[in-house]
Amino acid sequence: MKIAVSSLGPDKESQIDQRFGRCKYFALYDTENKEFTYIDNEAQSAAGGAGIQSAQTLSNSGVQIVLTGNVGPNAHQTLTAANITIITGVIGKVIEAIEKYERGEYSSTEKPTVPPHSGMQ
């Protein structure tokens, strides 16, 4: 199974990025081989639709679970349509988030946690 974590950097010690669609990186963790890979989030500077683009990128990467701080309505809808479980309210380091997930400390998020366009700067 693949877990994606919104991240401020390309390292398991990086902090969680509280924005999903406009996060800097996604840390992808493969639970079978216990390895991380990192991808730049190309949607982070999109004029619009960053959440949708980010969700599509993760879906195309075979992700099944997303750990992030917040998720907007368009991203939530796209992730849900792709059968990707969404977990919000995640803080700390990427590795800590994975460890907490594996211990069963999180539950899925059933609705968006921020309004549209909240991640824009």
Protein backbone atom coordinates (compact mmCIF):
# COMPACT_ATOMS: atom_id res chain seq x y z
CA MET A 1 0.00 0.00 0.00
CA LYS A 2 1.18 3.55 -0.72
CA ILE A 3 0.68 6.43 1.67
CA ALA A 4 1.22 10.05 0.56
CA VAL A 5 2.18 12.73 3.07
CA SER A 6 2.11 16.45 2.21
CA SER A 7 5.57 17.69 3.07
CA LEU A 8 7.63 20.88 3.23
CA GLY A 9 10.75 19.02 2.08
CA PRO A 10 11.96 15.87 0.32
CA ASP A 11 12.95 14.02 3.47
CA LYS A 12 11.22 11.85 6.06
CA GLU A 13 12.36 14.31 8.75
CA SER A 14 10.61 17.22 6.97
CA GLN A 15 7.59 18.86 8.53
CA ILE A 16 4.08 18.16 7.30
CA ASP A 17 2.83 20.84 4.90
CA GLN A 18 -0.59 21.92 6.17
CA ARG A 19 -1.75 22.56 2.61
CA PHE A 20 -2.64 19.58 0.46
CA GLY A 21 -3.04 20.99 -3.04
CA ARG A 22 -0.25 23.52 -2.75
CA CYS A 23 2.20 21.54 -0.65
CA LYS A 24 5.81 21.63 -1.79
CA TYR A 25 6.36 17.87 -1.92
CA PHE A 26 4.64 14.57 -1.45
CA ALA A 27 6.45 11.90 0.51
CA LEU A 28 5.28 8.53 -0.77
CA TYR A 29 5.70 5.65 1.63
CA ASP A 30 5.39 2.04 0.50
CA THR A 31 4.22 -0.05 3.45
CA GLU A 32 5.43 -3.30 1.86
CA ASN A 33 9.09 -2.41 1.39
CA LYS A 34 9.17 0.37 4.04
CA GLU A 35 10.73 2.84 1.58
CA PHE A 36 10.13 6.51 0.89
CA THR A 37 10.17 8.29 -2.45
CA TYR A 38 9.53 11.98 -2.93
CA ILE A 39 7.88 13.94 -5.71
CA ASP A 40 7.75 17.67 -6.29
CA ASN A 41 4.18 18.90 -6.30
CA GLU A 42 3.99 20.55 -9.71
CA ALA A 43 0.52 21.90 -8.87
CA GLN A 44 1.79 24.06 -5.99
CA SER A 45 2.03 27.18 -8.17
CA ALA A 46 -0.98 26.52 -10.42
CA ALA A 47 -3.27 29.48 -11.02
CA GLY A 48 -6.24 27.29 -10.10
CA GLY A 49 -7.19 23.66 -9.60
CA ALA A 50 -4.14 22.79 -7.50
CA GLY A 51 -6.10 20.42 -5.28
CA ILE A 52 -7.55 18.54 -8.22
CA GLN A 53 -4.17 18.30 -9.96
CA SER A 54 -2.46 17.11 -6.79
CA ALA A 55 -5.15 14.49 -6.20
CA GLN A 56 -4.80 13.24 -9.78
CA THR A 57 -1.02 12.99 -9.41
CA LEU A 58 -1.41 10.84 -6.31
CA SER A 59 -4.10 8.70 -7.91
CA ASN A 60 -1.82 8.10 -10.91
CA SER A 61 0.97 7.14 -8.48
CA GLY A 62 -1.15 4.40 -6.90
CA VAL A 63 -1.63 6.13 -3.56
CA GLN A 64 -4.37 4.73 -1.31
CA ILE A 65 -4.08 7.01 1.73
CA VAL A 66 -3.27 10.72 2.14
CA LEU A 67 -1.97 12.26 5.36
CA THR A 68 -2.11 16.07 5.40
CA GLY A 69 -2.99 19.09 7.46
CA ASN A 70 -6.01 20.30 5.52
CA VAL A 71 -7.89 19.49 2.34
CA GLY A 72 -10.23 21.69 0.33
CA PRO A 73 -13.52 20.68 -1.29
CA ASN A 74 -12.23 20.06 -4.83
CA ALA A 75 -9.31 17.97 -3.64
CA HIS A 76 -11.57 16.08 -1.24
CA GLN A 77 -14.02 15.27 -4.01
CA THR A 78 -11.27 14.14 -6.40
CA LEU A 79 -9.50 12.01 -3.79
CA THR A 80 -12.79 10.44 -2.72
CA ALA A 81 -13.70 9.65 -6.34
CA ALA A 82 -10.33 7.90 -6.69
CA ASN A 83 -11.05 5.81 -3.54
CA ILE A 84 -8.17 7.43 -1.66
CA THR A 85 -8.63 7.65 2.11
CA ILE A 86 -8.06 11.17 3.46
CA ILE A 87 -6.67 11.90 6.92
CA THR A 88 -6.35 15.53 8.00
CA GLY A 89 -5.15 17.33 11.10
CA VAL A 90 -1.72 15.75 10.74
CA ILE A 91 1.18 17.71 12.25
CA GLY A 92 4.86 17.06 12.96
CA LYS A 93 7.39 15.27 10.81
CA VAL A 94 6.64 12.95 7.90
CA ILE A 95 8.15 9.94 9.66
CA GLU A 96 6.13 10.65 12.80
CA ALA A 97 2.92 10.79 10.76
CA ILE A 98 3.67 7.41 9.19
CA GLU A 99 4.43 5.89 12.60
CA LYS A 100 1.18 7.26 14.07
CA TYR A 101 -0.78 5.95 11.09
CA GLU A 102 0.73 2.49 11.49
CA ARG A 103 -0.21 2.52 15.20
CA GLY A 104 -3.83 3.33 14.24
CA GLU A 105 -3.86 6.80 15.79
CA TYR A 106 -5.70 8.50 12.90
CA SER A 107 -9.18 8.26 11.49
CA SER A 108 -10.38 9.28 8.05
CA THR A 109 -11.83 12.67 7.23
CA GLU A 110 -15.32 12.65 5.76
CA LYS A 111 -15.51 16.27 4.55
CA PRO A 112 -13.25 19.16 3.48
CA THR A 113 -11.50 21.00 6.29
CA VAL A 114 -10.97 24.37 4.57
CA PRO A 115 -12.94 26.45 2.05
CA PRO A 116 -12.05 26.66 -1.65
CA HIS A 117 -8.82 28.52 -2.51
CA SER A 118 -7.63 28.67 1.10
CA GLY A 119 -4.11 27.48 0.22
CA MET A 120 -3.43 30.32 -2.20
CA GLN A 121 -0.89 32.85 -1.07
